[in-house]
Amino acid sequence: MTAIALRHLAVASAFVKALEFGREEARYAAAAVTSRFRPGSGASVGPLKLVETSSKDLPGEGWHRVRTRLAGICGSDLATVDGASSRYFEPWVSFPFIPGHEVVGELADGTRVVLEPVLGHEARGFAPPFEGAAPGDGNDYRHLVSGDLEPGIQIGYCESTGGGWSSEFVAHESQLHRIPDSLTDEQAVMVEPTAVGVHAALRVPIAEGATVAVLGAGTMGLAAVAALRAFTPAGTIIVGAKHPEQKDLARSLGATDVVAPSEVPRAVRRITGSFQIGDDLSGGADVVIDAVGSAASVEEAIGITRPRGSVVLVGMPGKVAIDFTALWHRETHLVGSYTYGTETLADGTTRRSFDMAIELAASADLGRLVSATYALEDYEEALRHAAQSGRRGAVKVCFDLR
């Protein structure tokens, strides 16, 4: 049966409760203004609203309905709701969309799954770039705005699929990972952000005993620390963390030196035996992972990385003003790290980031990073909590639809 015939057969017959984000410029601008004074407050004035909407049609063969159990709130979600996200993504998404891409859910038969949200080639009706490719693999992104779906980089940013901030969404078989009963829902909802950390940790080669610094100890920074310790031969791992809970978690996940953010350059200088020259170091860490993504953090990362070392940018900076003279002079390798895919390990073998993340979420008990859960109806408080998570002693805040 053709995908078109299936689409007509799979007509939505139910309603779902969801948080829907519309294309309303005035409300988006209001959120941008309000959130400058109180992070997370964009939910109360912006274009996010609680709705009852029709269940999405199954786009074709290989698609499933997924009932959400837990759905996380991440930094990119908060940037969107607070009117602070980059306009770069506008052509890559379709409105209105239902946010939520950190998800553990269940299929109609009760099987629990975690979502790999990138809407890859197979989900859009194209052949994968190579056999066994992950949804995020490939060197051309044209499929993200074409094929059988409306534009959308991921589930959670695509009108055709819905997203995890709802009682139900649709996902392609290539995006779903069945999980064992031994994995708790809290561990499972951490798989997607953990996969981001795995990808960041493996984005550049890390030599045996290398010194690695991680800027930021929110979800992304902590996931990167866990992945560095589990899957690379890094030696010293230096972490800049603001809050006591973040510091304790960073140590327990494998960091060797945990200091206040302002003390990271001094710690790198001491451990590497470097000189201070102006604002930068003469040498520095072999690799720095920037999980903050601000102009200041990018400049600091370059300045504390040794000449010809690597900076991995996993935090989303948006539009920033940066002096790149040091990047040029130090011949620094600056690399973006967006989601996940197929990783090449030190021994030449390959593994998918998500498979490694499922393993790590269990072995490191990353479910303990889930600090609070809220009903969808309480989304304004949930988003304020997530935006202020560090100072409130939290790491990951989720919506609970169980």
Protein backbone atom coordinates (compact mmCIF):
# COMPACT_ATOMS: atom_id res chain seq x y z
CA MET A 1 0.00 0.00 0.00
CA THR A 2 1.34 3.43 -0.88
CA ALA A 3 2.22 6.09 1.66
CA ILE A 4 -0.55 8.28 0.19
CA ALA A 5 -3.14 5.53 0.74
CA LEU A 6 -1.90 4.97 4.26
CA ARG A 7 -2.14 8.67 4.97
CA HIS A 8 -5.83 8.63 4.04
CA LEU A 9 -6.47 5.54 6.16
CA ALA A 10 -4.67 6.94 9.21
CA VAL A 11 -7.02 9.86 9.74
CA ALA A 12 -6.83 11.38 13.18
CA SER A 13 -9.72 10.24 15.36
CA ALA A 14 -8.81 11.61 18.75
CA PHE A 15 -7.83 14.83 20.48
CA VAL A 16 -4.62 15.45 22.36
CA LYS A 17 -3.68 17.98 25.00
CA ALA A 18 -0.62 19.93 23.93
CA LEU A 19 1.48 23.05 24.36
CA GLU A 20 1.47 24.69 20.94
CA PHE A 21 3.88 27.38 19.73
CA GLY A 22 2.46 29.65 17.02
CA ARG A 23 3.96 32.19 14.68
CA GLU A 24 2.83 35.36 16.43
CA GLU A 25 5.48 38.06 16.10
CA ALA A 26 3.98 40.49 18.61
CA ARG A 27 3.74 37.86 21.35
CA TYR A 28 7.24 36.57 20.51
CA ALA A 29 8.61 40.11 20.91
CA ALA A 30 6.76 40.48 24.23
CA ALA A 31 8.35 37.25 25.45
CA ALA A 32 11.79 38.54 24.46
CA VAL A 33 11.30 41.70 26.53
CA THR A 34 9.76 40.03 29.58
CA SER A 35 12.32 37.22 29.79
CA ARG A 36 15.22 39.68 30.02
CA PHE A 37 14.03 40.58 33.49
CA ARG A 38 12.75 37.15 34.54
CA PRO A 39 14.06 34.13 32.60
CA GLY A 40 11.32 31.64 31.78
CA SER A 41 8.55 34.24 31.92
CA GLY A 42 8.08 34.19 28.15
CA ALA A 43 5.60 31.35 28.68
CA SER A 44 3.10 33.76 30.20
CA VAL A 45 3.11 36.36 27.40
CA GLY A 46 4.52 34.60 24.33
CA PRO A 47 2.93 32.47 21.60
CA LEU A 48 2.95 29.24 23.66
CA LYS A 49 -0.50 28.09 24.76
CA LEU A 50 -2.22 24.99 26.12
CA VAL A 51 -4.62 23.60 23.53
CA GLU A 52 -6.73 20.59 22.74
CA THR A 53 -5.93 19.70 19.17
CA SER A 54 -6.52 16.88 16.73
CA SER A 55 -4.24 13.87 16.87
CA LYS A 56 -1.73 13.90 14.01
CA ASP A 57 -2.30 11.66 10.99
CA LEU A 58 0.30 8.94 10.48
CA PRO A 59 2.32 10.27 7.51
CA GLY A 60 2.92 6.83 6.00
CA GLU A 61 4.33 3.36 6.41
CA GLY A 62 6.66 2.83 9.36
CA TRP A 63 5.12 5.56 11.51
CA HIS A 64 3.80 5.08 15.06
CA ARG A 65 1.73 6.98 17.57
CA VAL A 66 3.69 7.56 20.76
CA ARG A 67 2.05 8.40 24.08
CA THR A 68 4.30 10.70 26.08
CA ARG A 69 5.37 9.62 29.57
CA LEU A 70 8.08 12.21 30.39
CA ALA A 71 9.29 15.08 28.23
CA GLY A 72 12.24 17.27 29.16
CA ILE A 73 12.68 21.02 28.90
CA CYS A 74 16.02 21.93 27.32
CA GLY A 75 17.95 25.13 26.71
CA SER A 76 16.81 25.46 23.09
CA ASP A 77 13.18 25.07 24.21
CA LEU A 78 13.65 27.85 26.76
CA ALA A 79 15.32 30.10 24.18
CA THR A 80 12.34 29.59 21.87
CA VAL A 81 9.71 30.27 24.53
CA ASP A 82 11.62 33.29 25.86
CA GLY A 83 11.99 34.84 22.41
CA ALA A 84 15.75 34.44 22.44
CA SER A 85 16.29 31.80 19.77
CA SER A 86 18.22 32.54 16.59
CA ARG A 87 16.18 33.51 13.54
CA TYR A 88 18.48 31.17 11.59
CA PHE A 89 16.10 28.30 12.28
CA GLU A 90 12.93 29.89 10.88
CA PRO A 91 13.22 28.29 7.40
CA TRP A 92 13.96 24.93 9.03
CA VAL A 93 10.75 24.68 11.12
CA SER A 94 7.01 24.77 10.42
CA PHE A 95 4.30 26.49 12.46
CA PRO A 96 2.46 25.88 14.64
CA PHE A 97 4.68 23.27 16.26
CA ILE A 98 4.47 21.42 19.55
CA PRO A 99 7.84 21.56 21.34
CA GLY A 100 9.45 18.64 23.15
CA HIS A 101 12.23 16.40 21.81
CA GLU A 102 13.62 14.85 25.02
CA VAL A 103 11.02 12.12 25.35
CA VAL A 104 10.29 8.70 26.79
CA GLY A 105 6.94 7.38 25.66
CA GLU A 106 5.07 4.21 24.86
CA LEU A 107 3.59 2.61 21.77
CA ALA A 108 0.06 1.27 21.46
CA ASP A 109 1.16 -2.14 22.76
CA GLY A 110 2.76 -0.61 25.86
CA THR A 111 6.37 -0.90 24.65
CA ARG A 112 8.45 1.94 26.07
CA VAL A 113 10.62 3.89 23.66
CA VAL A 114 12.96 6.86 23.65
CA LEU A 115 12.87 9.27 20.76
CA GLU A 116 15.81 10.14 18.51
CA PRO A 117 14.09 13.31 17.30
CA VAL A 118 16.04 14.29 14.17
CA LEU A 119 13.74 13.91 11.15
CA GLY A 120 16.26 12.06 9.04
CA HIS A 121 16.21 10.68 5.52
CA GLU A 122 14.07 7.62 6.24
CA ALA A 123 11.41 9.59 8.13
CA ARG A 124 11.05 11.87 5.10
CA GLY A 125 10.90 9.10 2.50
CA PHE A 126 14.51 9.16 1.27
CA ALA A 127 17.18 6.47 1.26
CA PRO A 128 19.65 6.82 4.16
CA PRO A 129 23.12 8.16 3.26
CA PHE A 130 24.66 4.77 4.14
CA GLU A 131 23.55 1.46 5.56
CA GLY A 132 22.74 1.69 9.26
CA ALA A 133 22.87 5.50 9.26
CA ALA A 134 21.41 7.38 12.22
CA PRO A 135 18.77 10.06 11.51
CA GLY A 136 21.34 12.82 12.07
CA ASP A 137 23.92 11.43 9.61
CA GLY A 138 24.57 12.85 6.16
CA ASN A 139 26.30 15.82 4.56
CA ASP A 140 23.30 17.57 2.98
CA TYR A 141 20.32 18.92 4.94
CA ARG A 142 17.91 19.40 2.01
CA HIS A 143 15.75 16.52 3.26
CA LEU A 144 14.87 18.53 6.37
CA VAL A 145 12.71 20.87 4.30
CA SER A 146 11.35 18.41 1.75
CA GLY A 147 9.90 14.94 1.41
CA ASP A 148 6.68 13.70 2.99
CA LEU A 149 6.60 16.20 5.90
CA GLU A 150 6.47 19.91 6.53
CA PRO A 151 9.90 21.48 7.24
CA GLY A 152 11.36 20.61 10.62
CA ILE A 153 14.81 19.84 11.95
CA GLN A 154 13.37 17.55 14.63
CA ILE A 155 10.19 16.28 16.14
CA GLY A 156 9.31 19.17 18.41
CA TYR A 157 9.83 21.71 15.60
CA CYS A 158 7.68 20.22 12.85
CA GLU A 159 3.96 20.84 12.35
CA SER A 160 3.44 17.38 10.81
CA THR A 161 4.57 15.33 13.79
CA GLY A 162 3.66 17.11 17.01
CA GLY A 163 6.11 16.92 19.89
CA GLY A 164 6.71 15.64 23.38
CA TRP A 165 4.95 18.50 25.17
CA SER A 166 1.67 16.76 24.42
CA SER A 167 -0.17 13.59 25.34
CA GLU A 168 0.65 12.06 21.93
CA PHE A 169 2.81 12.60 18.84
CA VAL A 170 3.86 10.57 15.80
CA ALA A 171 7.36 9.29 15.05
CA HIS A 172 9.01 7.12 12.41
CA GLU A 173 10.37 3.68 13.21
CA SER A 174 13.91 4.91 12.45
CA GLN A 175 13.61 7.39 15.34
CA LEU A 176 12.43 5.00 18.05
CA HIS A 177 14.61 2.99 20.43
CA ARG A 178 12.97 0.28 22.51
CA ILE A 179 14.33 0.37 26.05
CA PRO A 180 14.69 -2.39 28.63
CA ASP A 181 12.46 -2.64 31.69
CA SER A 182 15.55 -2.03 33.83
CA LEU A 183 15.76 1.57 32.61
CA THR A 184 13.54 3.91 34.63
CA ASP A 185 11.51 6.63 32.93
CA GLU A 186 13.78 9.23 34.55
CA GLN A 187 16.88 7.56 33.11
CA ALA A 188 15.17 7.17 29.74
CA VAL A 189 14.17 10.84 29.41
CA MET A 190 17.85 11.70 29.88
CA VAL A 191 18.94 9.61 26.89
CA GLU A 192 18.50 12.37 24.28
CA PRO A 193 20.52 15.04 26.16
CA THR A 194 23.06 12.36 27.05
CA ALA A 195 23.44 11.54 23.35
CA VAL A 196 24.25 15.23 22.77
CA GLY A 197 26.95 14.94 25.44
CA VAL A 198 28.32 11.74 23.88
CA HIS A 199 28.54 13.41 20.46
CA ALA A 200 30.29 16.46 21.95
CA ALA A 201 32.81 14.27 23.81
CA LEU A 202 33.64 12.37 20.62
CA ARG A 203 33.46 15.30 18.19
CA VAL A 204 37.27 15.63 18.14
CA PRO A 205 39.98 13.04 18.92
CA ILE A 206 41.03 13.00 22.57
CA ALA A 207 44.44 11.54 23.26
CA GLU A 208 45.34 9.27 26.16
CA GLY A 209 45.67 11.38 29.33
CA ALA A 210 44.52 14.59 27.62
CA THR A 211 43.44 17.60 29.67
CA VAL A 212 39.85 18.57 28.91
CA ALA A 213 37.95 21.55 30.32
CA VAL A 214 34.15 21.77 30.32
CA LEU A 215 32.54 25.20 30.65
CA GLY A 216 29.08 24.92 32.20
CA ALA A 217 27.57 22.23 34.42
CA GLY A 218 23.95 22.22 33.35
CA THR A 219 22.49 19.20 31.60
CA MET A 220 24.76 19.42 28.55
CA GLY A 221 27.93 20.00 30.52
CA LEU A 222 27.24 17.16 32.94
CA ALA A 223 26.32 14.79 30.10
CA ALA A 224 29.59 15.67 28.37
CA VAL A 225 31.56 14.97 31.57
CA ALA A 226 29.93 11.54 31.93
CA ALA A 227 30.64 10.73 28.28
CA LEU A 228 34.25 11.92 28.48
CA ARG A 229 34.91 9.63 31.42
CA ALA A 230 33.02 6.65 29.99
CA PHE A 231 34.07 6.74 26.33
CA THR A 232 37.39 8.60 25.99
CA PRO A 233 40.89 8.19 27.46
CA ALA A 234 40.88 11.75 28.85
CA GLY A 235 43.00 12.25 31.94
CA THR A 236 42.21 15.48 33.79
CA ILE A 237 38.68 16.82 33.35
CA ILE A 238 38.21 20.37 34.66
CA VAL A 239 34.65 21.64 35.09
CA GLY A 240 33.37 25.13 35.78
CA ALA A 241 30.21 24.86 37.90
CA LYS A 242 28.24 27.58 39.69
CA HIS A 243 26.05 25.73 42.15
CA PRO A 244 26.72 23.13 44.88
CA GLU A 245 24.48 20.46 43.31
CA GLN A 246 26.21 20.90 39.95
CA LYS A 247 29.63 20.58 41.58
CA ASP A 248 28.68 17.36 43.39
CA LEU A 249 27.22 15.84 40.22
CA ALA A 250 30.26 16.81 38.12
CA ARG A 251 32.59 15.05 40.56
CA SER A 252 30.43 11.96 40.75
CA LEU A 253 30.30 11.73 36.94
CA GLY A 254 34.07 11.78 36.55
CA ALA A 255 35.43 15.32 36.81
CA THR A 256 38.82 15.52 38.52
CA ASP A 257 38.80 19.26 39.23
CA VAL A 258 35.58 21.23 39.82
CA VAL A 259 35.85 24.98 40.32
CA ALA A 260 33.74 28.11 40.08
CA PRO A 261 33.34 29.34 36.48
CA SER A 262 35.61 32.33 37.14
CA GLU A 263 38.36 29.97 38.39
CA VAL A 264 38.54 27.76 35.28
CA PRO A 265 41.39 29.71 33.58
CA ARG A 266 43.44 29.58 36.78
CA ALA A 267 42.81 25.83 37.16
CA VAL A 268 43.83 25.16 33.54
CA ARG A 269 46.91 27.34 33.98
CA ARG A 270 47.95 25.47 37.12
CA ILE A 271 47.34 21.97 35.76
CA THR A 272 49.02 22.59 32.38
CA GLY A 273 51.87 24.73 33.69
CA SER A 274 50.97 27.58 31.33
CA PHE A 275 51.78 31.27 31.60
CA GLN A 276 49.13 33.99 31.74
CA ILE A 277 49.58 36.39 28.81
CA GLY A 278 46.99 39.14 28.85
CA ASP A 279 43.59 37.47 29.08
CA ASP A 280 44.81 34.19 27.58
CA LEU A 281 47.16 31.35 28.46
CA SER A 282 50.44 30.53 26.72
CA GLY A 283 49.35 26.89 26.57
CA GLY A 284 46.18 25.37 27.92
CA ALA A 285 43.84 22.41 27.78
CA ASP A 286 44.00 20.03 24.83
CA VAL A 287 40.24 20.25 24.36
CA VAL A 288 37.61 22.62 25.77
CA ILE A 289 33.89 21.83 25.56
CA ASP A 290 31.80 24.98 25.79
CA ALA A 291 28.37 24.03 27.13
CA VAL A 292 27.39 27.67 27.80
CA GLY A 293 27.35 29.21 24.35
CA SER A 294 27.79 32.91 25.09
CA ALA A 295 30.23 35.36 23.53
CA ALA A 296 32.21 35.40 26.78
CA SER A 297 32.36 31.62 27.06
CA VAL A 298 33.50 31.14 23.45
CA GLU A 299 36.28 33.70 23.87
CA GLU A 300 37.32 32.13 27.17
CA ALA A 301 37.31 28.66 25.64
CA ILE A 302 39.67 29.77 22.88
CA GLY A 303 41.92 31.55 25.36
CA ILE A 304 42.37 28.50 27.62
CA THR A 305 42.89 25.97 24.82
CA ARG A 306 46.49 25.24 23.90
CA PRO A 307 47.70 26.36 20.47
CA ARG A 308 46.39 23.90 17.84
CA GLY A 309 43.97 22.43 20.36
CA SER A 310 40.22 22.08 19.88
CA VAL A 311 37.14 23.92 21.13
CA VAL A 312 33.84 22.05 20.85
CA LEU A 313 30.80 24.32 20.87
CA VAL A 314 27.80 22.41 22.23
CA GLY A 315 26.09 25.42 23.80
CA MET A 316 24.01 27.40 21.25
CA PRO A 317 25.45 30.94 20.98
CA GLY A 318 23.06 32.56 18.53
CA LYS A 319 24.24 35.94 17.21
CA VAL A 320 27.26 37.11 19.21
CA ALA A 321 30.20 39.49 18.75
CA ILE A 322 33.54 37.70 19.20
CA ASP A 323 37.14 38.75 18.61
CA PHE A 324 38.59 35.79 16.67
CA THR A 325 42.18 37.05 16.63
CA ALA A 326 43.16 34.46 19.23
CA LEU A 327 41.50 31.70 17.18
CA TRP A 328 43.61 32.72 14.19
CA HIS A 329 46.84 33.21 16.14
CA ARG A 330 46.57 29.98 18.13
CA GLU A 331 45.34 27.99 15.10
CA THR A 332 42.50 26.68 17.23
CA HIS A 333 40.16 24.06 15.84
CA LEU A 334 36.63 25.40 16.55
CA VAL A 335 33.95 22.75 16.00
CA GLY A 336 30.18 22.85 16.31
CA SER A 337 28.41 19.93 17.99
CA TYR A 338 24.67 19.95 17.31
CA THR A 339 22.98 16.62 17.98
CA TYR A 340 24.18 13.04 17.48
CA GLY A 341 24.67 10.39 14.82
CA THR A 342 27.19 7.64 14.16
CA GLU A 343 30.41 7.99 16.15
CA THR A 344 33.85 6.76 15.10
CA LEU A 345 35.70 5.44 18.14
CA ALA A 346 39.45 5.43 18.82
CA ASP A 347 39.79 1.81 17.66
CA GLY A 348 38.17 2.59 14.32
CA THR A 349 34.82 0.98 15.10
CA THR A 350 31.54 2.87 14.92
CA ARG A 351 28.57 3.12 17.26
CA ARG A 352 25.44 5.24 17.28
CA SER A 353 25.40 8.04 19.85
CA PHE A 354 21.95 6.96 21.05
CA ASP A 355 23.03 3.39 21.77
CA MET A 356 25.94 4.72 23.81
CA ALA A 357 23.64 7.17 25.59
CA ILE A 358 21.17 4.44 26.58
CA GLU A 359 24.08 2.51 28.07
CA LEU A 360 25.43 5.58 29.88
CA ALA A 361 22.06 6.71 31.22
CA ALA A 362 21.85 3.39 33.03
CA SER A 363 25.46 2.91 34.13
CA ALA A 364 25.84 6.48 35.45
CA ASP A 365 22.25 6.61 36.76
CA LEU A 366 21.54 9.84 34.93
CA GLY A 367 17.93 9.71 36.02
CA ARG A 368 19.14 11.47 39.17
CA LEU A 369 19.54 14.62 37.07
CA VAL A 370 15.74 14.84 36.78
CA SER A 371 15.00 17.29 39.56
CA ALA A 372 11.31 18.17 39.16
CA THR A 373 8.27 17.23 37.10
CA TYR A 374 5.11 19.18 36.24
CA ALA A 375 1.76 18.60 34.58
CA LEU A 376 1.26 20.30 31.22
CA GLU A 377 -1.30 22.62 32.81
CA ASP A 378 1.44 24.01 35.05
CA TYR A 379 3.70 24.90 32.12
CA GLU A 380 4.33 28.50 33.17
CA GLU A 381 5.81 27.44 36.51
CA ALA A 382 7.64 24.52 34.88
CA LEU A 383 9.38 26.81 32.39
CA ARG A 384 10.28 29.36 35.06
CA HIS A 385 11.74 26.54 37.15
CA ALA A 386 13.75 25.22 34.20
CA ALA A 387 15.08 28.69 33.38
CA GLN A 388 16.23 29.14 36.99
CA SER A 389 17.21 25.52 37.56
CA GLY A 390 20.78 26.02 38.74
CA ARG A 391 20.02 28.57 41.41
CA ARG A 392 17.06 26.45 42.56
CA GLY A 393 19.22 23.34 42.93
CA ALA A 394 17.80 21.61 39.85
CA VAL A 395 19.27 20.20 36.63
CA LYS A 396 16.52 18.74 34.44
CA VAL A 397 12.85 19.74 34.67
CA CYS A 398 10.27 17.62 32.82
CA PHE A 399 6.60 17.43 31.97
CA ASP A 400 4.99 14.29 33.42
CA LEU A 401 2.10 12.81 31.43
CA ARG A 402 2.04 9.36 33.03
